[in-house]
């Protein structure tokens, strides 16, 4: 039987529990793959009652989850209670957040789950509880290898049916970006994107478009030298390795429909350069995919939305898209492991 996806519930006071319940209720109409929620069953039961949702829960193992999924939401209980009420951050539930994440990750690492899907967590709550990582991504990278081994470099991709983008730098002040964008950074990012898009997205030779840092990609150096001295050499290095890379290209003409037909992913120089078009085109359906890890991880492309938690107004579209994409990536990777076959690009 097909292995389920492992879903961490995220911040208990946020919309993560709501989304898990709503996604299960829409499992047939949305053609969702089987998943198992890892966390406190009482949290899900209480939230379902608050929302007036008839969602039966089935405490089970990952192996039992696919059969149970038809009639109930499978749940693998953890030993940590989630005590936070919906609507605002509460540090008392930080241990339950970590237990949910660790439990879901363990299922993936031992091969009982096909991929990891994570609901949003509240970083401020985790920091107060002693969480020493900037966020989900850095934690997962550190947990991906044994202690003392080199930690893989995770790369964030925002994916939708319309557009896939990767910011080379993420949550840093804009003033620091020019100093952080280097040839080695862009080459490494391009390699990771090309490798994972081939192996997991099933695209035989991914086409990568590099956005310029400056307006009009620097206008041959007249609007800044970074594009000529950093982006262009990085693209040349990737092309020398056989990777289909182009750039630097003006960012303001990269995202209309005709341009999107010419590439499989855009690598931008900073967060807003590529996330603004991605969220404009697919605000409710975008998926955060972590590339560069030895396992598949997807997540909704939004935060905890405390103001929506427990109100019935949360939209599960992004989580459902994350579940569907995780299943597709897992199947593509399994096919790649099984042997060569004609590669097909995702729509």
C-alpha atoms as a PDB file:
ATOM      1  CA  UNK A   1       0.000   0.000   0.000  1.00  0.00           C
ATOM      2  CA  UNK A   2       1.182   3.535  -0.761  1.00  0.00           C
ATOM      3  CA  UNK A   3       2.854   5.251   2.174  1.00  0.00           C
ATOM      4  CA  UNK A   4       0.954   8.238   3.553  1.00  0.00           C
ATOM      5  CA  UNK A   5       2.223  11.767   3.896  1.00  0.00           C
ATOM      6  CA  UNK A   6       3.214  12.935   7.392  1.00  0.00           C
ATOM      7  CA  UNK A   7       1.563  16.218   8.446  1.00  0.00           C
ATOM      8  CA  UNK A   8       2.772  18.287  11.395  1.00  0.00           C
ATOM      9  CA  UNK A   9       0.053  20.439  12.936  1.00  0.00           C
ATOM     10  CA  UNK A  10       2.142  23.577  13.450  1.00  0.00           C
ATOM     11  CA  UNK A  11       1.193  26.291  15.930  1.00  0.00           C
ATOM     12  CA  UNK A  12      -1.860  25.089  17.943  1.00  0.00           C
ATOM     13  CA  UNK A  13      -3.199  28.637  18.403  1.00  0.00           C
ATOM     14  CA  UNK A  14      -3.003  29.246  14.644  1.00  0.00           C
ATOM     15  CA  UNK A  15      -4.910  27.795  11.713  1.00  0.00           C
ATOM     16  CA  UNK A  16      -2.863  24.598  11.325  1.00  0.00           C
ATOM     17  CA  UNK A  17      -5.413  22.388  13.124  1.00  0.00           C
ATOM     18  CA  UNK A  18      -8.264  24.045  11.196  1.00  0.00           C
ATOM     19  CA  UNK A  19      -6.528  23.341   7.896  1.00  0.00           C
ATOM     20  CA  UNK A  20      -5.906  19.685   8.719  1.00  0.00           C
ATOM     21  CA  UNK A  21      -9.595  19.181   9.525  1.00  0.00           C
ATOM     22  CA  UNK A  22     -10.849  21.108   6.507  1.00  0.00           C
ATOM     23  CA  UNK A  23      -8.452  19.344   4.140  1.00  0.00           C
ATOM     24  CA  UNK A  24      -9.658  15.936   5.307  1.00  0.00           C
ATOM     25  CA  UNK A  25     -13.277  16.946   4.835  1.00  0.00           C
ATOM     26  CA  UNK A  26     -12.495  17.938   1.236  1.00  0.00           C
ATOM     27  CA  UNK A  27     -10.334  14.896   0.547  1.00  0.00           C
ATOM     28  CA  UNK A  28     -12.563  13.452  -2.170  1.00  0.00           C
ATOM     29  CA  UNK A  29     -13.465  16.634  -4.034  1.00  0.00           C
ATOM     30  CA  UNK A  30      -9.850  17.851  -3.892  1.00  0.00           C
ATOM     31  CA  UNK A  31      -8.417  14.404  -4.722  1.00  0.00           C
ATOM     32  CA  UNK A  32      -6.112  14.519  -1.749  1.00  0.00           C
ATOM     33  CA  UNK A  33      -3.589  11.775  -1.046  1.00  0.00           C
ATOM     34  CA  UNK A  34      -3.743   9.974   2.287  1.00  0.00           C
ATOM     35  CA  UNK A  35      -1.991  11.762   5.135  1.00  0.00           C
ATOM     36  CA  UNK A  36      -1.545  11.211   8.834  1.00  0.00           C
ATOM     37  CA  UNK A  37      -1.624  14.132  11.270  1.00  0.00           C
ATOM     38  CA  UNK A  38       1.029  13.912  13.957  1.00  0.00           C
ATOM     39  CA  UNK A  39       0.166  15.658  17.211  1.00  0.00           C
ATOM     40  CA  UNK A  40      -2.324  15.984  20.026  1.00  0.00           C
ATOM     41  CA  UNK A  41      -5.663  14.309  19.137  1.00  0.00           C
ATOM     42  CA  UNK A  42      -7.456  16.404  21.777  1.00  0.00           C
ATOM     43  CA  UNK A  43      -6.371  19.557  19.940  1.00  0.00           C
ATOM     44  CA  UNK A  44      -8.007  18.334  16.749  1.00  0.00           C
ATOM     45  CA  UNK A  45     -11.129  17.131  18.562  1.00  0.00           C
ATOM     46  CA  UNK A  46     -11.566  20.423  20.414  1.00  0.00           C
ATOM     47  CA  UNK A  47     -10.983  22.476  17.266  1.00  0.00           C
ATOM     48  CA  UNK A  48     -13.463  20.380  15.290  1.00  0.00           C
ATOM     49  CA  UNK A  49     -16.086  20.966  17.977  1.00  0.00           C
ATOM     50  CA  UNK A  50     -15.363  24.682  18.009  1.00  0.00           C
ATOM     51  CA  UNK A  51     -15.761  24.838  14.227  1.00  0.00           C
ATOM     52  CA  UNK A  52     -18.798  22.577  14.141  1.00  0.00           C
ATOM     53  CA  UNK A  53     -17.048  20.062  11.907  1.00  0.00           C
ATOM     54  CA  UNK A  54     -17.927  16.370  11.955  1.00  0.00           C
ATOM     55  CA  UNK A  55     -14.451  14.888  11.618  1.00  0.00           C
ATOM     56  CA  UNK A  56     -13.937  11.441  13.137  1.00  0.00           C
ATOM     57  CA  UNK A  57     -10.389  10.749  14.292  1.00  0.00           C
ATOM     58  CA  UNK A  58      -8.564   7.434  14.012  1.00  0.00           C
ATOM     59  CA  UNK A  59      -5.553   6.949  16.276  1.00  0.00           C
ATOM     60  CA  UNK A  60      -3.291   4.755  14.214  1.00  0.00           C
ATOM     61  CA  UNK A  61       0.196   4.086  12.893  1.00  0.00           C
ATOM     62  CA  UNK A  62       1.477   5.337   9.564  1.00  0.00           C
ATOM     63  CA  UNK A  63       1.007   1.886   8.111  1.00  0.00           C
ATOM     64  CA  UNK A  64      -2.652   1.893   9.081  1.00  0.00           C
ATOM     65  CA  UNK A  65      -3.297   5.443   7.878  1.00  0.00           C
ATOM     66  CA  UNK A  66      -4.116   4.832   4.172  1.00  0.00           C
ATOM     67  CA  UNK A  67      -6.885   2.368   5.043  1.00  0.00           C
ATOM     68  CA  UNK A  68      -8.239   4.603   7.818  1.00  0.00           C
ATOM     69  CA  UNK A  69      -8.156   7.761   5.689  1.00  0.00           C
ATOM     70  CA  UNK A  70     -11.364   6.933   3.844  1.00  0.00           C
ATOM     71  CA  UNK A  71     -13.540   7.151   6.959  1.00  0.00           C
ATOM     72  CA  UNK A  72     -11.526   9.165   9.500  1.00  0.00           C
ATOM     73  CA  UNK A  73      -8.636  11.566   9.868  1.00  0.00           C
ATOM     74  CA  UNK A  74      -5.648   9.422  10.862  1.00  0.00           C
ATOM     75  CA  UNK A  75      -3.739  10.768  13.874  1.00  0.00           C
ATOM     76  CA  UNK A  76      -0.468   9.589  15.377  1.00  0.00           C
ATOM     77  CA  UNK A  77      -0.569  10.911  18.952  1.00  0.00           C
ATOM     78  CA  UNK A  78       2.424  12.520  20.594  1.00  0.00           C
ATOM     79  CA  UNK A  79       3.009  12.734  24.331  1.00  0.00           C
ATOM     80  CA  UNK A  80       2.757  16.518  24.412  1.00  0.00           C
ATOM     81  CA  UNK A  81      -0.570  18.258  25.013  1.00  0.00           C
ATOM     82  CA  UNK A  82      -1.366  21.382  23.031  1.00  0.00           C
ATOM     83  CA  UNK A  83      -2.888  23.803  25.527  1.00  0.00           C
ATOM     84  CA  UNK A  84      -2.988  27.071  23.568  1.00  0.00           C
ATOM     85  CA  UNK A  85      -6.386  28.507  22.687  1.00  0.00           C
ATOM     86  CA  UNK A  86      -6.881  29.710  19.112  1.00  0.00           C
ATOM     87  CA  UNK A  87      -6.322  33.371  18.432  1.00  0.00           C
ATOM     88  CA  UNK A  88      -2.928  34.351  19.819  1.00  0.00           C
ATOM     89  CA  UNK A  89       0.589  33.036  20.478  1.00  0.00           C
ATOM     90  CA  UNK A  90       1.025  31.011  23.661  1.00  0.00           C
ATOM     91  CA  UNK A  91       4.429  29.697  24.673  1.00  0.00           C
ATOM     92  CA  UNK A  92       2.913  26.861  26.703  1.00  0.00           C
ATOM     93  CA  UNK A  93       2.325  24.858  23.545  1.00  0.00           C
ATOM     94  CA  UNK A  94       5.850  25.120  22.146  1.00  0.00           C
ATOM     95  CA  UNK A  95       6.742  21.565  23.298  1.00  0.00           C
ATOM     96  CA  UNK A  96       3.707  20.200  21.460  1.00  0.00           C
ATOM     97  CA  UNK A  97       4.724  22.032  18.277  1.00  0.00           C
ATOM     98  CA  UNK A  98       8.190  20.513  18.386  1.00  0.00           C
ATOM     99  CA  UNK A  99       6.826  17.059  19.227  1.00  0.00           C
ATOM    100  CA  UNK A 100       4.509  17.216  16.221  1.00  0.00           C
ATOM    101  CA  UNK A 101       7.315  18.285  13.910  1.00  0.00           C
ATOM    102  CA  UNK A 102       9.771  15.712  15.255  1.00  0.00           C
ATOM    103  CA  UNK A 103       7.201  12.935  15.074  1.00  0.00           C
ATOM    104  CA  UNK A 104       6.262  13.707  11.476  1.00  0.00           C
ATOM    105  CA  UNK A 105       9.914  13.973  10.476  1.00  0.00           C
ATOM    106  CA  UNK A 106      10.706  10.642  12.131  1.00  0.00           C
ATOM    107  CA  UNK A 107       8.047   8.932  10.011  1.00  0.00           C
ATOM    108  CA  UNK A 108       9.747  10.226   6.880  1.00  0.00           C
ATOM    109  CA  UNK A 109      13.273   9.394   8.005  1.00  0.00           C
ATOM    110  CA  UNK A 110      12.429   5.752   8.771  1.00  0.00           C
ATOM    111  CA  UNK A 111      10.506   5.362   5.521  1.00  0.00           C
ATOM    112  CA  UNK A 112       7.007   5.016   7.003  1.00  0.00           C
ATOM    113  CA  UNK A 113       5.825   8.217   5.302  1.00  0.00           C
ATOM    114  CA  UNK A 114       6.521   9.306   1.735  1.00  0.00           C
ATOM    115  CA  UNK A 115       7.040  13.013   2.442  1.00  0.00           C
ATOM    116  CA  UNK A 116       6.773  15.676   5.123  1.00  0.00           C
ATOM    117  CA  UNK A 117       4.129  18.422   5.012  1.00  0.00           C
ATOM    118  CA  UNK A 118       4.370  21.104   7.689  1.00  0.00           C
ATOM    119  CA  UNK A 119       1.738  23.542   8.898  1.00  0.00           C
ATOM    120  CA  UNK A 120       2.969  27.017   9.905  1.00  0.00           C
ATOM    121  CA  UNK A 121       4.605  27.583  13.280  1.00  0.00           C
ATOM    122  CA  UNK A 122       4.997  30.811  15.245  1.00  0.00           C
ATOM    123  CA  UNK A 123       8.706  31.570  15.403  1.00  0.00           C
ATOM    124  CA  UNK A 124       8.365  33.951  18.337  1.00  0.00           C
ATOM    125  CA  UNK A 125       6.760  31.217  20.443  1.00  0.00           C
ATOM    126  CA  UNK A 126       9.438  28.720  19.500  1.00  0.00           C
ATOM    127  CA  UNK A 127      12.251  31.170  20.240  1.00  0.00           C
ATOM    128  CA  UNK A 128      10.889  31.774  23.737  1.00  0.00           C
ATOM    129  CA  UNK A 129      10.964  28.026  24.313  1.00  0.00           C
ATOM    130  CA  UNK A 130      14.638  27.817  23.345  1.00  0.00           C
ATOM    131  CA  UNK A 131      14.269  26.831  19.687  1.00  0.00           C
ATOM    132  CA  UNK A 132      17.647  27.782  18.224  1.00  0.00           C
ATOM    133  CA  UNK A 133      16.840  27.725  14.518  1.00  0.00           C
ATOM    134  CA  UNK A 134      15.556  30.643  12.402  1.00  0.00           C
ATOM    135  CA  UNK A 135      12.642  28.510  11.240  1.00  0.00           C
ATOM    136  CA  UNK A 136      11.354  25.186   9.914  1.00  0.00           C
ATOM    137  CA  UNK A 137      13.817  25.031   7.051  1.00  0.00           C
ATOM    138  CA  UNK A 138      17.015  25.386   9.065  1.00  0.00           C
ATOM    139  CA  UNK A 139      15.765  22.894  11.653  1.00  0.00           C
ATOM    140  CA  UNK A 140      14.975  20.308   9.005  1.00  0.00           C
ATOM    141  CA  UNK A 141      18.373  20.775   7.356  1.00  0.00           C
ATOM    142  CA  UNK A 142      20.126  20.195  10.675  1.00  0.00           C
ATOM    143  CA  UNK A 143      18.024  17.099  11.361  1.00  0.00           C
ATOM    144  CA  UNK A 144      18.661  15.664   7.900  1.00  0.00           C
ATOM    145  CA  UNK A 145      22.152  14.404   8.713  1.00  0.00           C
ATOM    146  CA  UNK A 146      23.884  12.732  11.679  1.00  0.00           C
ATOM    147  CA  UNK A 147      25.584  14.939  14.241  1.00  0.00           C
ATOM    148  CA  UNK A 148      28.911  16.200  12.950  1.00  0.00           C
ATOM    149  CA  UNK A 149      28.087  15.664   9.284  1.00  0.00           C
ATOM    150  CA  UNK A 150      27.931  18.636   6.899  1.00  0.00           C
ATOM    151  CA  UNK A 151      24.478  20.201   6.975  1.00  0.00           C
ATOM    152  CA  UNK A 152      22.879  20.385   3.509  1.00  0.00           C
ATOM    153  CA  UNK A 153      22.008  23.822   2.210  1.00  0.00           C
ATOM    154  CA  UNK A 154      18.225  24.114   1.948  1.00  0.00           C
ATOM    155  CA  UNK A 155      16.746  26.184  -0.858  1.00  0.00           C
ATOM    156  CA  UNK A 156      13.249  27.661  -0.663  1.00  0.00           C
ATOM    157  CA  UNK A 157      11.047  27.372  -3.728  1.00  0.00           C
ATOM    158  CA  UNK A 158       7.546  28.831  -3.979  1.00  0.00           C
ATOM    159  CA  UNK A 159       5.671  26.677  -6.470  1.00  0.00           C
ATOM    160  CA  UNK A 160       2.284  26.850  -8.121  1.00  0.00           C
ATOM    161  CA  UNK A 161       0.815  25.523 -11.343  1.00  0.00           C
ATOM    162  CA  UNK A 162       1.585  28.936 -12.876  1.00  0.00           C
ATOM    163  CA  UNK A 163       5.052  29.799 -11.577  1.00  0.00           C
ATOM    164  CA  UNK A 164       7.996  28.425  -9.611  1.00  0.00           C
ATOM    165  CA  UNK A 165      10.436  30.872  -8.023  1.00  0.00           C
ATOM    166  CA  UNK A 166      13.525  30.664  -5.809  1.00  0.00           C
ATOM    167  CA  UNK A 167      14.946  33.639  -3.901  1.00  0.00           C
ATOM    168  CA  UNK A 168      18.744  33.345  -3.633  1.00  0.00           C
ATOM    169  CA  UNK A 169      18.577  35.379  -0.418  1.00  0.00           C
ATOM    170  CA  UNK A 170      15.537  35.196   1.811  1.00  0.00           C
ATOM    171  CA  UNK A 171      14.807  36.998   5.069  1.00  0.00           C
ATOM    172  CA  UNK A 172      17.536  39.622   5.068  1.00  0.00           C
ATOM    173  CA  UNK A 173      17.411  43.432   4.848  1.00  0.00           C
ATOM    174  CA  UNK A 174      17.382  44.664   1.280  1.00  0.00           C
ATOM    175  CA  UNK A 175      20.470  46.791   1.943  1.00  0.00           C
ATOM    176  CA  UNK A 176      22.474  43.618   2.636  1.00  0.00           C
ATOM    177  CA  UNK A 177      21.475  41.763  -0.525  1.00  0.00           C
ATOM    178  CA  UNK A 178      24.227  43.046  -2.895  1.00  0.00           C
ATOM    179  CA  UNK A 179      26.919  41.871  -0.491  1.00  0.00           C
ATOM    180  CA  UNK A 180      25.306  38.465  -0.010  1.00  0.00           C
ATOM    181  CA  UNK A 181      24.747  37.653  -3.684  1.00  0.00           C
ATOM    182  CA  UNK A 182      27.962  35.965  -4.839  1.00  0.00           C
ATOM    183  CA  UNK A 183      28.957  33.708  -7.705  1.00  0.00           C
ATOM    184  CA  UNK A 184      29.343  30.653  -5.413  1.00  0.00           C
ATOM    185  CA  UNK A 185      25.910  31.274  -3.866  1.00  0.00           C
ATOM    186  CA  UNK A 186      24.175  31.489  -7.235  1.00  0.00           C
ATOM    187  CA  UNK A 187      26.024  28.500  -8.672  1.00  0.00           C
ATOM    188  CA  UNK A 188      25.171  26.336  -5.667  1.00  0.00           C
ATOM    189  CA  UNK A 189      21.557  27.472  -5.753  1.00  0.00           C
ATOM    190  CA  UNK A 190      21.297  26.726  -9.465  1.00  0.00           C
ATOM    191  CA  UNK A 191      22.757  23.254  -9.004  1.00  0.00           C
ATOM    192  CA  UNK A 192      20.303  22.378  -6.235  1.00  0.00           C
ATOM    193  CA  UNK A 193      17.312  23.683  -8.174  1.00  0.00           C
ATOM    194  CA  UNK A 194      18.322  21.870 -11.369  1.00  0.00           C
ATOM    195  CA  UNK A 195      18.985  18.598  -9.525  1.00  0.00           C
ATOM    196  CA  UNK A 196      15.736  18.544  -7.550  1.00  0.00           C
ATOM    197  CA  UNK A 197      13.576  19.699 -10.445  1.00  0.00           C
ATOM    198  CA  UNK A 198      14.967  16.849 -12.536  1.00  0.00           C
ATOM    199  CA  UNK A 199      14.691  14.175  -9.869  1.00  0.00           C
ATOM    200  CA  UNK A 200      11.553  15.188  -8.020  1.00  0.00           C
ATOM    201  CA  UNK A 201       9.604  17.317 -10.486  1.00  0.00           C
ATOM    202  CA  UNK A 202      10.352  14.963 -13.371  1.00  0.00           C
ATOM    203  CA  UNK A 203      11.716  17.672 -15.677  1.00  0.00           C
ATOM    204  CA  UNK A 204      14.490  16.170 -17.749  1.00  0.00           C
ATOM    205  CA  UNK A 205      16.549  19.352 -18.221  1.00  0.00           C
ATOM    206  CA  UNK A 206      15.119  22.192 -16.159  1.00  0.00           C
ATOM    207  CA  UNK A 207      15.269  25.658 -17.676  1.00  0.00           C
ATOM    208  CA  UNK A 208      16.456  28.212 -15.109  1.00  0.00           C
ATOM    209  CA  UNK A 209      16.029  31.953 -15.576  1.00  0.00           C
ATOM    210  CA  UNK A 210      18.145  34.226 -13.375  1.00  0.00           C
ATOM    211  CA  UNK A 211      16.691  37.632 -12.621  1.00  0.00           C
ATOM    212  CA  UNK A 212      19.075  40.559 -12.548  1.00  0.00           C
ATOM    213  CA  UNK A 213      19.671  42.345  -9.276  1.00  0.00           C
ATOM    214  CA  UNK A 214      19.363  45.849 -10.706  1.00  0.00           C
ATOM    215  CA  UNK A 215      16.683  47.460 -12.876  1.00  0.00           C
ATOM    216  CA  UNK A 216      16.905  46.238 -16.480  1.00  0.00           C
ATOM    217  CA  UNK A 217      19.506  43.693 -15.292  1.00  0.00           C
ATOM    218  CA  UNK A 218      22.000  46.520 -14.868  1.00  0.00           C
ATOM    219  CA  UNK A 219      21.845  47.902 -18.428  1.00  0.00           C
ATOM    220  CA  UNK A 220      25.280  46.448 -19.263  1.00  0.00           C
ATOM    221  CA  UNK A 221      26.748  47.814 -16.049  1.00  0.00           C
ATOM    222  CA  UNK A 222      25.385  51.350 -16.270  1.00  0.00           C
ATOM    223  CA  UNK A 223      22.841  50.681 -13.504  1.00  0.00           C
ATOM    224  CA  UNK A 224      25.121  48.667 -11.242  1.00  0.00           C
ATOM    225  CA  UNK A 225      27.950  46.219 -11.803  1.00  0.00           C
ATOM    226  CA  UNK A 226      26.539  43.238  -9.864  1.00  0.00           C
ATOM    227  CA  UNK A 227      24.741  41.703 -12.815  1.00  0.00           C
ATOM    228  CA  UNK A 228      27.847  41.727 -15.004  1.00  0.00           C
ATOM    229  CA  UNK A 229      30.289  40.746 -12.280  1.00  0.00           C
ATOM    230  CA  UNK A 230      28.219  38.225 -10.298  1.00  0.00           C
ATOM    231  CA  UNK A 231      25.053  36.993 -12.018  1.00  0.00           C
ATOM    232  CA  UNK A 232      26.448  36.585 -15.531  1.00  0.00           C
ATOM    233  CA  UNK A 233      29.569  34.605 -14.438  1.00  0.00           C
ATOM    234  CA  UNK A 234      27.375  32.350 -12.260  1.00  0.00           C
ATOM    235  CA  UNK A 235      25.100  31.606 -15.213  1.00  0.00           C
ATOM    236  CA  UNK A 236      28.124  30.905 -17.404  1.00  0.00           C
ATOM    237  CA  UNK A 237      29.494  28.482 -14.818  1.00  0.00           C
ATOM    238  CA  UNK A 238      26.205  26.606 -14.661  1.00  0.00           C
ATOM    239  CA  UNK A 239      25.981  26.408 -18.436  1.00  0.00           C
ATOM    240  CA  UNK A 240      29.506  24.999 -18.517  1.00  0.00           C
ATOM    241  CA  UNK A 241      28.213  22.188 -16.281  1.00  0.00           C
ATOM    242  CA  UNK A 242      25.412  21.416 -18.736  1.00  0.00           C
ATOM    243  CA  UNK A 243      22.643  23.197 -16.799  1.00  0.00           C
ATOM    244  CA  UNK A 244      20.178  25.161 -18.917  1.00  0.00           C
ATOM    245  CA  UNK A 245      20.541  28.583 -17.300  1.00  0.00           C
ATOM    246  CA  UNK A 246      19.919  32.077 -18.703  1.00  0.00           C
ATOM    247  CA  UNK A 247      20.482  35.542 -17.348  1.00  0.00           C
ATOM    248  CA  UNK A 248      20.725  38.055 -15.952  1.00  0.00           C
ATOM    249  CA  UNK A 249      17.254  38.956 -17.212  1.00  0.00           C
ATOM    250  CA  UNK A 250      15.225  42.075 -16.345  1.00  0.00           C
ATOM    251  CA  UNK A 251      12.869  41.109 -13.545  1.00  0.00           C
ATOM    252  CA  UNK A 252      10.111  43.418 -14.726  1.00  0.00           C
ATOM    253  CA  UNK A 253       9.565  41.376 -17.912  1.00  0.00           C
ATOM    254  CA  UNK A 254      10.017  37.887 -16.474  1.00  0.00           C
ATOM    255  CA  UNK A 255       6.554  37.081 -15.227  1.00  0.00           C
ATOM    256  CA  UNK A 256       4.011  37.678 -17.964  1.00  0.00           C
ATOM    257  CA  UNK A 257       2.521  34.544 -19.599  1.00  0.00           C
ATOM    258  CA  UNK A 258       4.764  34.506 -22.682  1.00  0.00           C
ATOM    259  CA  UNK A 259       7.893  34.817 -20.540  1.00  0.00           C
ATOM    260  CA  UNK A 260       6.753  32.115 -18.109  1.00  0.00           C
ATOM    261  CA  UNK A 261       6.491  29.678 -21.017  1.00  0.00           C
ATOM    262  CA  UNK A 262      10.263  29.912 -21.588  1.00  0.00           C
ATOM    263  CA  UNK A 263      11.496  28.617 -18.208  1.00  0.00           C
ATOM    264  CA  UNK A 264      10.697  26.130 -15.448  1.00  0.00           C
ATOM    265  CA  UNK A 265      11.878  28.269 -12.516  1.00  0.00           C
ATOM    266  CA  UNK A 266      13.112  31.776 -11.828  1.00  0.00           C
ATOM    267  CA  UNK A 267      16.004  32.335  -9.442  1.00  0.00           C
ATOM    268  CA  UNK A 268      15.753  35.842  -8.067  1.00  0.00           C
ATOM    269  CA  UNK A 269      18.223  37.817  -6.041  1.00  0.00           C
ATOM    270  CA  UNK A 270      15.992  38.722  -3.102  1.00  0.00           C
ATOM    271  CA  UNK A 271      12.742  37.799  -1.398  1.00  0.00           C
ATOM    272  CA  UNK A 272      10.213  40.299  -2.726  1.00  0.00           C
ATOM    273  CA  UNK A 273      11.604  40.260  -6.266  1.00  0.00           C
ATOM    274  CA  UNK A 274      10.140  36.797  -6.856  1.00  0.00           C
ATOM    275  CA  UNK A 275       7.598  36.304  -4.064  1.00  0.00           C
ATOM    276  CA  UNK A 276       5.483  39.285  -5.085  1.00  0.00           C
ATOM    277  CA  UNK A 277       4.721  37.833  -8.550  1.00  0.00           C
ATOM    278  CA  UNK A 278       4.371  34.321  -7.118  1.00  0.00           C
ATOM    279  CA  UNK A 279       1.808  35.405  -4.536  1.00  0.00           C
ATOM    280  CA  UNK A 280       0.022  37.694  -6.969  1.00  0.00           C
ATOM    281  CA  UNK A 281      -0.526  34.804  -9.365  1.00  0.00           C
ATOM    282  CA  UNK A 282      -1.327  32.108  -6.785  1.00  0.00           C
ATOM    283  CA  UNK A 283      -1.986  33.654  -3.394  1.00  0.00           C
ATOM    284  CA  UNK A 284      -4.188  30.794  -2.151  1.00  0.00           C
ATOM    285  CA  UNK A 285      -2.542  27.917  -4.028  1.00  0.00           C
ATOM    286  CA  UNK A 286       1.173  28.550  -3.637  1.00  0.00           C
ATOM    287  CA  UNK A 287       3.326  25.905  -1.983  1.00  0.00           C
ATOM    288  CA  UNK A 288       6.591  26.349  -0.106  1.00  0.00           C
ATOM    289  CA  UNK A 289       8.933  23.524  -1.190  1.00  0.00           C
ATOM    290  CA  UNK A 290      12.291  22.963   0.461  1.00  0.00           C
ATOM    291  CA  UNK A 291      14.883  21.804  -2.059  1.00  0.00           C
ATOM    292  CA  UNK A 292      18.280  20.389  -1.173  1.00  0.00           C
ATOM    293  CA  UNK A 293      17.125  18.039   1.597  1.00  0.00           C
ATOM    294  CA  UNK A 294      17.389  14.234   1.443  1.00  0.00           C
ATOM    295  CA  UNK A 295      13.604  14.040   1.895  1.00  0.00           C
ATOM    296  CA  UNK A 296      10.607  15.859   0.429  1.00  0.00           C
ATOM    297  CA  UNK A 297       9.099  18.715   2.411  1.00  0.00           C
ATOM    298  CA  UNK A 298       6.276  21.011   1.404  1.00  0.00           C
ATOM    299  CA  UNK A 299       4.271  23.576   3.359  1.00  0.00           C
ATOM    300  CA  UNK A 300       1.455  26.070   2.834  1.00  0.00           C
ATOM    301  CA  UNK A 301       2.767  29.393   1.605  1.00  0.00           C
ATOM    302  CA  UNK A 302       1.319  31.436   4.460  1.00  0.00           C
ATOM    303  CA  UNK A 303       1.661  31.971   8.187  1.00  0.00           C
ATOM    304  CA  UNK A 304      -0.243  31.033  11.331  1.00  0.00           C
ATOM    305  CA  UNK A 305      -3.099  33.544  10.770  1.00  0.00           C
ATOM    306  CA  UNK A 306      -4.003  33.802  14.447  1.00  0.00           C
ATOM    307  CA  UNK A 307      -6.938  36.070  13.618  1.00  0.00           C
ATOM    308  CA  UNK A 308      -8.568  33.303  11.563  1.00  0.00           C
ATOM    309  CA  UNK A 309      -7.897  30.380  13.919  1.00  0.00           C
ATOM    310  CA  UNK A 310     -11.057  28.799  15.262  1.00  0.00           C
ATOM    311  CA  UNK A 311     -13.332  31.121  13.256  1.00  0.00           C
ATOM    312  CA  UNK A 312     -14.175  28.851  10.342  1.00  0.00           C
ATOM    313  CA  UNK A 313     -12.743  31.371   7.863  1.00  0.00           C
ATOM    314  CA  UNK A 314      -9.388  29.658   7.221  1.00  0.00           C
ATOM    315  CA  UNK A 315      -8.767  28.653   3.612  1.00  0.00           C
ATOM    316  CA  UNK A 316      -7.175  25.180   3.248  1.00  0.00           C
ATOM    317  CA  UNK A 317      -6.301  25.629  -0.452  1.00  0.00           C
ATOM    318  CA  UNK A 318      -2.566  26.096   0.112  1.00  0.00           C
ATOM    319  CA  UNK A 319      -2.327  23.091   2.434  1.00  0.00           C
ATOM    320  CA  UNK A 320      -4.250  20.962  -0.048  1.00  0.00           C
ATOM    321  CA  UNK A 321      -1.898  22.090  -2.815  1.00  0.00           C
ATOM    322  CA  UNK A 322       1.070  21.235  -0.558  1.00  0.00           C
ATOM    323  CA  UNK A 323      -0.325  17.745   0.048  1.00  0.00           C
ATOM    324  CA  UNK A 324      -0.935  17.114  -3.643  1.00  0.00           C
ATOM    325  CA  UNK A 325       2.498  18.379  -4.626  1.00  0.00           C
ATOM    326  CA  UNK A 326       4.233  16.310  -1.937  1.00  0.00           C
ATOM    327  CA  UNK A 327       2.557  13.200  -3.322  1.00  0.00           C
ATOM    328  CA  UNK A 328       3.593  14.061  -6.894  1.00  0.00           C
ATOM    329  CA  UNK A 329       7.190  14.710  -5.878  1.00  0.00           C
ATOM    330  CA  UNK A 330       7.346  11.469  -3.900  1.00  0.00           C
ATOM    331  CA  UNK A 331       5.978   9.491  -6.829  1.00  0.00           C
ATOM    332  CA  UNK A 332       8.420  11.153  -9.232  1.00  0.00           C
ATOM    333  CA  UNK A 333      11.355  10.402  -6.956  1.00  0.00           C
ATOM    334  CA  UNK A 334      10.247   6.801  -6.563  1.00  0.00           C
ATOM    335  CA  UNK A 335      10.030   6.465 -10.338  1.00  0.00           C
ATOM    336  CA  UNK A 336      13.526   7.929 -10.681  1.00  0.00           C
ATOM    337  CA  UNK A 337      14.846   5.418  -8.152  1.00  0.00           C
ATOM    338  CA  UNK A 338      13.142   2.578  -9.996  1.00  0.00           C
ATOM    339  CA  UNK A 339      14.993   3.294 -13.231  1.00  0.00           C
ATOM    340  CA  UNK A 340      15.122   5.569 -16.275  1.00  0.00           C
ATOM    341  CA  UNK A 341      11.861   6.613 -17.840  1.00  0.00           C
ATOM    342  CA  UNK A 342      10.775   9.488 -20.093  1.00  0.00           C
ATOM    343  CA  UNK A 343      10.732  12.666 -18.030  1.00  0.00           C
ATOM    344  CA  UNK A 344       7.563  14.696 -17.965  1.00  0.00           C
ATOM    345  CA  UNK A 345       7.289  18.241 -16.706  1.00  0.00           C
ATOM    346  CA  UNK A 346       4.627  19.171 -14.206  1.00  0.00           C
ATOM    347  CA  UNK A 347       2.070  21.594 -15.614  1.00  0.00           C
END
